């Protein structure tokens, strides 16, 4: 198990009920972490519609998780 900090934006933040949390996970990559959190919080966004970032840099879903990483899940947003 590793510990990572997760930040949520827009509708993901609303669904999680928090802007950020620290989680313990055994997920091997970013996609696995999202699946775990999607199940926990009931996120409706499919992974293909989101962006993921690690340490403020966009990342790939198959990138491995590392202890202490800060991961952000970013849904599409619209402006007006």
PDB file of N, CA and C in Angstrom:
ATOM      1  N   UNK A   1       0.841  -1.180   0.000  1.00  0.00           N
ATOM      2  CA  UNK A   1       0.000   0.000   0.000  1.00  0.00           C
ATOM      3  C   UNK A   1       0.883   1.238   0.000  1.00  0.00           C
ATOM      4  N   UNK A   2       0.419   2.211  -0.752  1.00  0.00           N
ATOM      5  CA  UNK A   2       1.105   3.495  -0.745  1.00  0.00           C
ATOM      6  C   UNK A   2       0.091   4.579  -0.401  1.00  0.00           C
ATOM      7  N   UNK A   3       0.615   5.726  -0.008  1.00  0.00           N
ATOM      8  CA  UNK A   3      -0.235   6.857   0.325  1.00  0.00           C
ATOM      9  C   UNK A   3      -0.018   7.949  -0.713  1.00  0.00           C
ATOM     10  N   UNK A   4      -1.125   8.461  -1.262  1.00  0.00           N
ATOM     11  CA  UNK A   4      -1.073   9.550  -2.227  1.00  0.00           C
ATOM     12  C   UNK A   4      -2.094  10.606  -1.844  1.00  0.00           C
ATOM     13  N   UNK A   5      -1.842  11.833  -2.259  1.00  0.00           N
ATOM     14  CA  UNK A   5      -2.785  12.928  -2.062  1.00  0.00           C
ATOM     15  C   UNK A   5      -3.545  13.090  -3.366  1.00  0.00           C
ATOM     16  N   UNK A   6      -4.866  13.174  -3.274  1.00  0.00           N
ATOM     17  CA  UNK A   6      -5.699  13.304  -4.463  1.00  0.00           C
ATOM     18  C   UNK A   6      -6.459  14.621  -4.407  1.00  0.00           C
ATOM     19  N   UNK A   7      -6.438  15.351  -5.515  1.00  0.00           N
ATOM     20  CA  UNK A   7      -7.183  16.605  -5.631  1.00  0.00           C
ATOM     21  C   UNK A   7      -8.285  16.416  -6.661  1.00  0.00           C
ATOM     22  N   UNK A   8      -9.458  16.974  -6.353  1.00  0.00           N
ATOM     23  CA  UNK A   8     -10.615  16.869  -7.242  1.00  0.00           C
ATOM     24  C   UNK A   8     -11.031  18.249  -7.705  1.00  0.00           C
ATOM     25  N   UNK A   9     -11.560  18.319  -8.921  1.00  0.00           N
ATOM     26  CA  UNK A   9     -12.018  19.580  -9.480  1.00  0.00           C
ATOM     27  C   UNK A   9     -13.456  19.433  -9.981  1.00  0.00           C
ATOM     28  N   UNK A  10     -14.169  20.568  -9.983  1.00  0.00           N
ATOM     29  CA  UNK A  10     -15.510  20.696 -10.559  1.00  0.00           C
ATOM     30  C   UNK A  10     -16.462  19.622 -10.024  1.00  0.00           C
ATOM     31  N   UNK A  11     -17.133  18.897 -10.908  1.00  0.00           N
ATOM     32  CA  UNK A  11     -18.146  17.926 -10.486  1.00  0.00           C
ATOM     33  C   UNK A  11     -17.554  16.768  -9.684  1.00  0.00           C
ATOM     34  N   UNK A  12     -16.284  16.448  -9.892  1.00  0.00           N
ATOM     35  CA  UNK A  12     -15.660  15.395  -9.081  1.00  0.00           C
ATOM     36  C   UNK A  12     -15.527  15.856  -7.631  1.00  0.00           C
ATOM     37  N   UNK A  13     -15.199  17.123  -7.445  1.00  0.00           N
ATOM     38  CA  UNK A  13     -15.112  17.695  -6.097  1.00  0.00           C
ATOM     39  C   UNK A  13     -16.482  17.629  -5.423  1.00  0.00           C
ATOM     40  N   UNK A  14     -17.524  17.962  -6.169  1.00  0.00           N
ATOM     41  CA  UNK A  14     -18.879  17.909  -5.616  1.00  0.00           C
ATOM     42  C   UNK A  14     -19.259  16.490  -5.219  1.00  0.00           C
ATOM     43  N   UNK A  15     -18.957  15.519  -6.074  1.00  0.00           N
ATOM     44  CA  UNK A  15     -19.311  14.124  -5.795  1.00  0.00           C
ATOM     45  C   UNK A  15     -18.528  13.565  -4.606  1.00  0.00           C
ATOM     46  N   UNK A  16     -17.248  13.934  -4.510  1.00  0.00           N
ATOM     47  CA  UNK A  16     -16.414  13.439  -3.407  1.00  0.00           C
ATOM     48  C   UNK A  16     -16.722  14.160  -2.104  1.00  0.00           C
ATOM     49  N   UNK A  17     -17.284  15.368  -2.200  1.00  0.00           N
ATOM     50  CA  UNK A  17     -17.577  16.144  -1.007  1.00  0.00           C
ATOM     51  C   UNK A  17     -16.352  16.770  -0.382  1.00  0.00           C
ATOM     52  N   UNK A  18     -15.268  16.816  -1.154  1.00  0.00           N
ATOM     53  CA  UNK A  18     -14.027  17.400  -0.663  1.00  0.00           C
ATOM     54  C   UNK A  18     -13.167  17.822  -1.846  1.00  0.00           C
ATOM     55  N   UNK A  19     -12.304  18.782  -1.609  1.00  0.00           N
ATOM     56  CA  UNK A  19     -11.392  19.247  -2.648  1.00  0.00           C
ATOM     57  C   UNK A  19     -10.167  18.348  -2.762  1.00  0.00           C
ATOM     58  N   UNK A  20      -9.784  17.741  -1.641  1.00  0.00           N
ATOM     59  CA  UNK A  20      -8.618  16.859  -1.645  1.00  0.00           C
ATOM     60  C   UNK A  20      -8.717  15.869  -0.503  1.00  0.00           C
ATOM     61  N   UNK A  21      -8.011  14.770  -0.667  1.00  0.00           N
ATOM     62  CA  UNK A  21      -7.935  13.772   0.399  1.00  0.00           C
ATOM     63  C   UNK A  21      -6.651  12.978   0.238  1.00  0.00           C
ATOM     64  N   UNK A  22      -6.235  12.385   1.307  1.00  0.00           N
ATOM     65  CA  UNK A  22      -5.096  11.480   1.285  1.00  0.00           C
ATOM     66  C   UNK A  22      -5.648  10.071   1.346  1.00  0.00           C
ATOM     67  N   UNK A  23      -5.196   9.227   0.429  1.00  0.00           N
ATOM     68  CA  UNK A  23      -5.726   7.868   0.353  1.00  0.00           C
ATOM     69  C   UNK A  23      -4.598   6.846   0.392  1.00  0.00           C
ATOM     70  N   UNK A  24      -4.918   5.702   0.952  1.00  0.00           N
ATOM     71  CA  UNK A  24      -4.048   4.538   0.917  1.00  0.00           C
ATOM     72  C   UNK A  24      -4.553   3.665  -0.221  1.00  0.00           C
ATOM     73  N   UNK A  25      -3.670   3.230  -1.097  1.00  0.00           N
ATOM     74  CA  UNK A  25      -4.100   2.442  -2.247  1.00  0.00           C
ATOM     75  C   UNK A  25      -3.091   1.363  -2.584  1.00  0.00           C
ATOM     76  N   UNK A  26      -3.603   0.318  -3.185  1.00  0.00           N
ATOM     77  CA  UNK A  26      -2.723  -0.714  -3.721  1.00  0.00           C
ATOM     78  C   UNK A  26      -2.778  -0.702  -5.252  1.00  0.00           C
ATOM     79  N   UNK A  27      -3.395   0.339  -5.817  1.00  0.00           N
ATOM     80  CA  UNK A  27      -3.468   0.475  -7.279  1.00  0.00           C
ATOM     81  C   UNK A  27      -2.057   0.620  -7.840  1.00  0.00           C
ATOM     82  N   UNK A  28      -1.812   0.003  -8.966  1.00  0.00           N
ATOM     83  CA  UNK A  28      -0.487   0.066  -9.568  1.00  0.00           C
ATOM     84  C   UNK A  28      -0.284   1.249 -10.485  1.00  0.00           C
ATOM     85  N   UNK A  29      -1.408   1.821 -10.962  1.00  0.00           N
ATOM     86  CA  UNK A  29      -1.294   2.945 -11.880  1.00  0.00           C
ATOM     87  C   UNK A  29      -2.425   3.939 -11.636  1.00  0.00           C
ATOM     88  N   UNK A  30      -2.415   5.024 -12.388  1.00  0.00           N
ATOM     89  CA  UNK A  30      -3.405   6.085 -12.193  1.00  0.00           C
ATOM     90  C   UNK A  30      -4.815   5.624 -12.545  1.00  0.00           C
ATOM     91  N   UNK A  31      -4.943   4.779 -13.549  1.00  0.00           N
ATOM     92  CA  UNK A  31      -6.263   4.255 -13.922  1.00  0.00           C
ATOM     93  C   UNK A  31      -6.845   3.422 -12.787  1.00  0.00           C
ATOM     94  N   UNK A  32      -6.032   2.604 -12.154  1.00  0.00           N
ATOM     95  CA  UNK A  32      -6.493   1.791 -11.033  1.00  0.00           C
ATOM     96  C   UNK A  32      -6.923   2.649  -9.859  1.00  0.00           C
ATOM     97  N   UNK A  33      -6.188   3.717  -9.605  1.00  0.00           N
ATOM     98  CA  UNK A  33      -6.560   4.626  -8.527  1.00  0.00           C
ATOM     99  C   UNK A  33      -7.906   5.271  -8.836  1.00  0.00           C
ATOM    100  N   UNK A  34      -8.102   5.717 -10.083  1.00  0.00           N
ATOM    101  CA  UNK A  34      -9.386   6.336 -10.426  1.00  0.00           C
ATOM    102  C   UNK A  34     -10.528   5.335 -10.261  1.00  0.00           C
ATOM    103  N   UNK A  35     -10.339   4.103 -10.689  1.00  0.00           N
ATOM    104  CA  UNK A  35     -11.399   3.085 -10.524  1.00  0.00           C
ATOM    105  C   UNK A  35     -11.762   2.907  -9.051  1.00  0.00           C
ATOM    106  N   UNK A  36     -10.764   2.861  -8.180  1.00  0.00           N
ATOM    107  CA  UNK A  36     -11.040   2.727  -6.746  1.00  0.00           C
ATOM    108  C   UNK A  36     -11.848   3.924  -6.236  1.00  0.00           C
ATOM    109  N   UNK A  37     -11.433   5.120  -6.612  1.00  0.00           N
ATOM    110  CA  UNK A  37     -12.116   6.321  -6.134  1.00  0.00           C
ATOM    111  C   UNK A  37     -13.480   6.489  -6.791  1.00  0.00           C
ATOM    112  N   UNK A  38     -13.615   6.071  -8.026  1.00  0.00           N
ATOM    113  CA  UNK A  38     -14.896   6.112  -8.720  1.00  0.00           C
ATOM    114  C   UNK A  38     -15.907   5.238  -7.988  1.00  0.00           C
ATOM    115  N   UNK A  39     -15.467   4.082  -7.556  1.00  0.00           N
ATOM    116  CA  UNK A  39     -16.340   3.176  -6.804  1.00  0.00           C
ATOM    117  C   UNK A  39     -16.691   3.769  -5.441  1.00  0.00           C
ATOM    118  N   UNK A  40     -15.720   4.340  -4.770  1.00  0.00           N
ATOM    119  CA  UNK A  40     -15.929   4.901  -3.435  1.00  0.00           C
ATOM    120  C   UNK A  40     -16.872   6.102  -3.445  1.00  0.00           C
ATOM    121  N   UNK A  41     -16.675   7.000  -4.412  1.00  0.00           N
ATOM    122  CA  UNK A  41     -17.417   8.261  -4.426  1.00  0.00           C
ATOM    123  C   UNK A  41     -18.575   8.302  -5.420  1.00  0.00           C
ATOM    124  N   UNK A  42     -18.709   7.289  -6.251  1.00  0.00           N
ATOM    125  CA  UNK A  42     -19.788   7.262  -7.223  1.00  0.00           C
ATOM    126  C   UNK A  42     -19.601   8.227  -8.380  1.00  0.00           C
ATOM    127  N   UNK A  43     -18.351   8.460  -8.788  1.00  0.00           N
ATOM    128  CA  UNK A  43     -18.091   9.355  -9.911  1.00  0.00           C
ATOM    129  C   UNK A  43     -18.763   8.823 -11.169  1.00  0.00           C
ATOM    130  N   UNK A  44     -19.443   9.702 -11.898  1.00  0.00           N
ATOM    131  CA  UNK A  44     -20.128   9.281 -13.115  1.00  0.00           C
ATOM    132  C   UNK A  44     -19.268   9.432 -14.369  1.00  0.00           C
ATOM    133  N   UNK A  45     -18.201  10.213 -14.289  1.00  0.00           N
ATOM    134  CA  UNK A  45     -17.358  10.422 -15.458  1.00  0.00           C
ATOM    135  C   UNK A  45     -16.568   9.169 -15.802  1.00  0.00           C
ATOM    136  N   UNK A  46     -16.640   8.712 -17.067  1.00  0.00           N
ATOM    137  CA  UNK A  46     -15.738   7.626 -17.477  1.00  0.00           C
ATOM    138  C   UNK A  46     -14.314   8.170 -17.588  1.00  0.00           C
ATOM    139  N   UNK A  47     -13.378   7.321 -17.343  1.00  0.00           N
ATOM    140  CA  UNK A  47     -11.961   7.715 -17.362  1.00  0.00           C
ATOM    141  C   UNK A  47     -11.583   8.397 -18.670  1.00  0.00           C
ATOM    142  N   UNK A  48     -12.111   7.950 -19.785  1.00  0.00           N
ATOM    143  CA  UNK A  48     -11.746   8.494 -21.101  1.00  0.00           C
ATOM    144  C   UNK A  48     -12.095   9.976 -21.248  1.00  0.00           C
ATOM    145  N   UNK A  49     -12.980  10.488 -20.411  1.00  0.00           N
ATOM    146  CA  UNK A  49     -13.396  11.884 -20.506  1.00  0.00           C
ATOM    147  C   UNK A  49     -12.626  12.803 -19.558  1.00  0.00           C
ATOM    148  N   UNK A  50     -11.702  12.250 -18.790  1.00  0.00           N
ATOM    149  CA  UNK A  50     -10.963  13.024 -17.786  1.00  0.00           C
ATOM    150  C   UNK A  50      -9.509  13.209 -18.193  1.00  0.00           C
ATOM    151  N   UNK A  51      -8.903  14.206 -17.583  1.00  0.00           N
ATOM    152  CA  UNK A  51      -7.445  14.368 -17.628  1.00  0.00           C
ATOM    153  C   UNK A  51      -6.917  14.013 -16.243  1.00  0.00           C
ATOM    154  N   UNK A  52      -5.704  13.560 -16.197  1.00  0.00           N
ATOM    155  CA  UNK A  52      -5.065  13.244 -14.930  1.00  0.00           C
ATOM    156  C   UNK A  52      -3.703  13.934 -14.897  1.00  0.00           C
ATOM    157  N   UNK A  53      -3.349  14.427 -13.731  1.00  0.00           N
ATOM    158  CA  UNK A  53      -2.062  15.099 -13.558  1.00  0.00           C
ATOM    159  C   UNK A  53      -1.388  14.583 -12.301  1.00  0.00           C
ATOM    160  N   UNK A  54      -0.069  14.583 -12.333  1.00  0.00           N
ATOM    161  CA  UNK A  54       0.737  14.217 -11.163  1.00  0.00           C
ATOM    162  C   UNK A  54       1.741  15.338 -10.968  1.00  0.00           C
ATOM    163  N   UNK A  55       1.758  15.880  -9.759  1.00  0.00           N
ATOM    164  CA  UNK A  55       2.681  16.974  -9.431  1.00  0.00           C
ATOM    165  C   UNK A  55       2.546  18.127 -10.428  1.00  0.00           C
ATOM    166  N   UNK A  56       1.299  18.483 -10.754  1.00  0.00           N
ATOM    167  CA  UNK A  56       0.983  19.611 -11.627  1.00  0.00           C
ATOM    168  C   UNK A  56       1.375  19.429 -13.098  1.00  0.00           C
ATOM    169  N   UNK A  57       1.716  18.216 -13.498  1.00  0.00           N
ATOM    170  CA  UNK A  57       2.015  17.931 -14.904  1.00  0.00           C
ATOM    171  C   UNK A  57       1.037  16.871 -15.406  1.00  0.00           C
ATOM    172  N   UNK A  58       0.478  17.080 -16.604  1.00  0.00           N
ATOM    173  CA  UNK A  58      -0.412  16.072 -17.146  1.00  0.00           C
ATOM    174  C   UNK A  58       0.325  14.748 -17.264  1.00  0.00           C
ATOM    175  N   UNK A  59      -0.413  13.668 -17.003  1.00  0.00           N
ATOM    176  CA  UNK A  59       0.178  12.332 -16.970  1.00  0.00           C
ATOM    177  C   UNK A  59      -0.647  11.386 -17.844  1.00  0.00           C
ATOM    178  N   UNK A  60      -0.172  10.160 -17.970  1.00  0.00           N
ATOM    179  CA  UNK A  60      -0.864   9.109 -18.712  1.00  0.00           C
ATOM    180  C   UNK A  60      -1.507   8.152 -17.710  1.00  0.00           C
ATOM    181  N   UNK A  61      -2.660   7.610 -18.093  1.00  0.00           N
ATOM    182  CA  UNK A  61      -3.398   6.736 -17.183  1.00  0.00           C
ATOM    183  C   UNK A  61      -2.610   5.504 -16.766  1.00  0.00           C
ATOM    184  N   UNK A  62      -1.685   5.044 -17.592  1.00  0.00           N
ATOM    185  CA  UNK A  62      -0.921   3.851 -17.236  1.00  0.00           C
ATOM    186  C   UNK A  62       0.384   4.171 -16.500  1.00  0.00           C
ATOM    187  N   UNK A  63       0.595   5.455 -16.150  1.00  0.00           N
ATOM    188  CA  UNK A  63       1.766   5.812 -15.350  1.00  0.00           C
ATOM    189  C   UNK A  63       1.647   5.174 -13.966  1.00  0.00           C
ATOM    190  N   UNK A  64       2.760   4.674 -13.435  1.00  0.00           N
ATOM    191  CA  UNK A  64       2.716   4.050 -12.108  1.00  0.00           C
ATOM    192  C   UNK A  64       2.525   5.081 -10.993  1.00  0.00           C
ATOM    193  N   UNK A  65       1.902   4.632  -9.929  1.00  0.00           N
ATOM    194  CA  UNK A  65       1.762   5.468  -8.731  1.00  0.00           C
ATOM    195  C   UNK A  65       3.025   5.391  -7.899  1.00  0.00           C
ATOM    196  N   UNK A  66       3.355   6.489  -7.280  1.00  0.00           N
ATOM    197  CA  UNK A  66       4.529   6.525  -6.396  1.00  0.00           C
ATOM    198  C   UNK A  66       4.116   7.092  -5.042  1.00  0.00           C
ATOM    199  N   UNK A  67       4.713   6.572  -4.018  1.00  0.00           N
ATOM    200  CA  UNK A  67       4.459   7.020  -2.649  1.00  0.00           C
ATOM    201  C   UNK A  67       4.580   8.535  -2.562  1.00  0.00           C
ATOM    202  N   UNK A  68       3.566   9.174  -1.970  1.00  0.00           N
ATOM    203  CA  UNK A  68       3.605  10.605  -1.724  1.00  0.00           C
ATOM    204  C   UNK A  68       3.230  11.481  -2.902  1.00  0.00           C
ATOM    205  N   UNK A  69       2.868  10.877  -4.030  1.00  0.00           N
ATOM    206  CA  UNK A  69       2.489  11.679  -5.199  1.00  0.00           C
ATOM    207  C   UNK A  69       1.231  12.496  -4.925  1.00  0.00           C
ATOM    208  N   UNK A  70       1.115  13.617  -5.627  1.00  0.00           N
ATOM    209  CA  UNK A  70      -0.107  14.408  -5.622  1.00  0.00           C
ATOM    210  C   UNK A  70      -0.759  14.239  -6.984  1.00  0.00           C
ATOM    211  N   UNK A  71      -1.939  13.623  -6.982  1.00  0.00           N
ATOM    212  CA  UNK A  71      -2.658  13.284  -8.201  1.00  0.00           C
ATOM    213  C   UNK A  71      -3.890  14.167  -8.299  1.00  0.00           C
ATOM    214  N   UNK A  72      -4.165  14.672  -9.496  1.00  0.00           N
ATOM    215  CA  UNK A  72      -5.366  15.478  -9.721  1.00  0.00           C
ATOM    216  C   UNK A  72      -6.181  14.863 -10.853  1.00  0.00           C
ATOM    217  N   UNK A  73      -7.482  14.736 -10.620  1.00  0.00           N
ATOM    218  CA  UNK A  73      -8.410  14.279 -11.646  1.00  0.00           C
ATOM    219  C   UNK A  73      -9.209  15.483 -12.107  1.00  0.00           C
ATOM    220  N   UNK A  74      -9.216  15.722 -13.415  1.00  0.00           N
ATOM    221  CA  UNK A  74      -9.791  16.954 -13.964  1.00  0.00           C
ATOM    222  C   UNK A  74     -10.837  16.613 -15.016  1.00  0.00           C
ATOM    223  N   UNK A  75     -12.116  16.882 -14.707  1.00  0.00           N
ATOM    224  CA  UNK A  75     -13.166  16.643 -15.695  1.00  0.00           C
ATOM    225  C   UNK A  75     -13.218  17.783 -16.705  1.00  0.00           C
ATOM    226  N   UNK A  76     -13.897  17.573 -17.818  1.00  0.00           N
ATOM    227  CA  UNK A  76     -14.057  18.677 -18.764  1.00  0.00           C
ATOM    228  C   UNK A  76     -14.908  19.785 -18.126  1.00  0.00           C
ATOM    229  N   UNK A  77     -14.612  20.992 -18.479  1.00  0.00           N
ATOM    230  CA  UNK A  77     -15.374  22.125 -17.960  1.00  0.00           C
ATOM    231  C   UNK A  77     -15.846  22.963 -19.135  1.00  0.00           C
ATOM    232  N   UNK A  78     -16.916  23.686 -18.930  1.00  0.00           N
ATOM    233  CA  UNK A  78     -17.387  24.582 -19.986  1.00  0.00           C
ATOM    234  C   UNK A  78     -17.435  25.990 -19.421  1.00  0.00           C
ATOM    235  N   UNK A  79     -17.207  26.925 -20.284  1.00  0.00           N
ATOM    236  CA  UNK A  79     -17.230  28.329 -19.874  1.00  0.00           C
ATOM    237  C   UNK A  79     -18.322  29.068 -20.622  1.00  0.00           C
ATOM    238  N   UNK A  80     -18.592  30.271 -20.163  1.00  0.00           N
ATOM    239  CA  UNK A  80     -19.649  30.990 -20.854  1.00  0.00           C
ATOM    240  C   UNK A  80     -19.372  32.464 -20.913  1.00  0.00           C
TER     241      UNK A  80
END
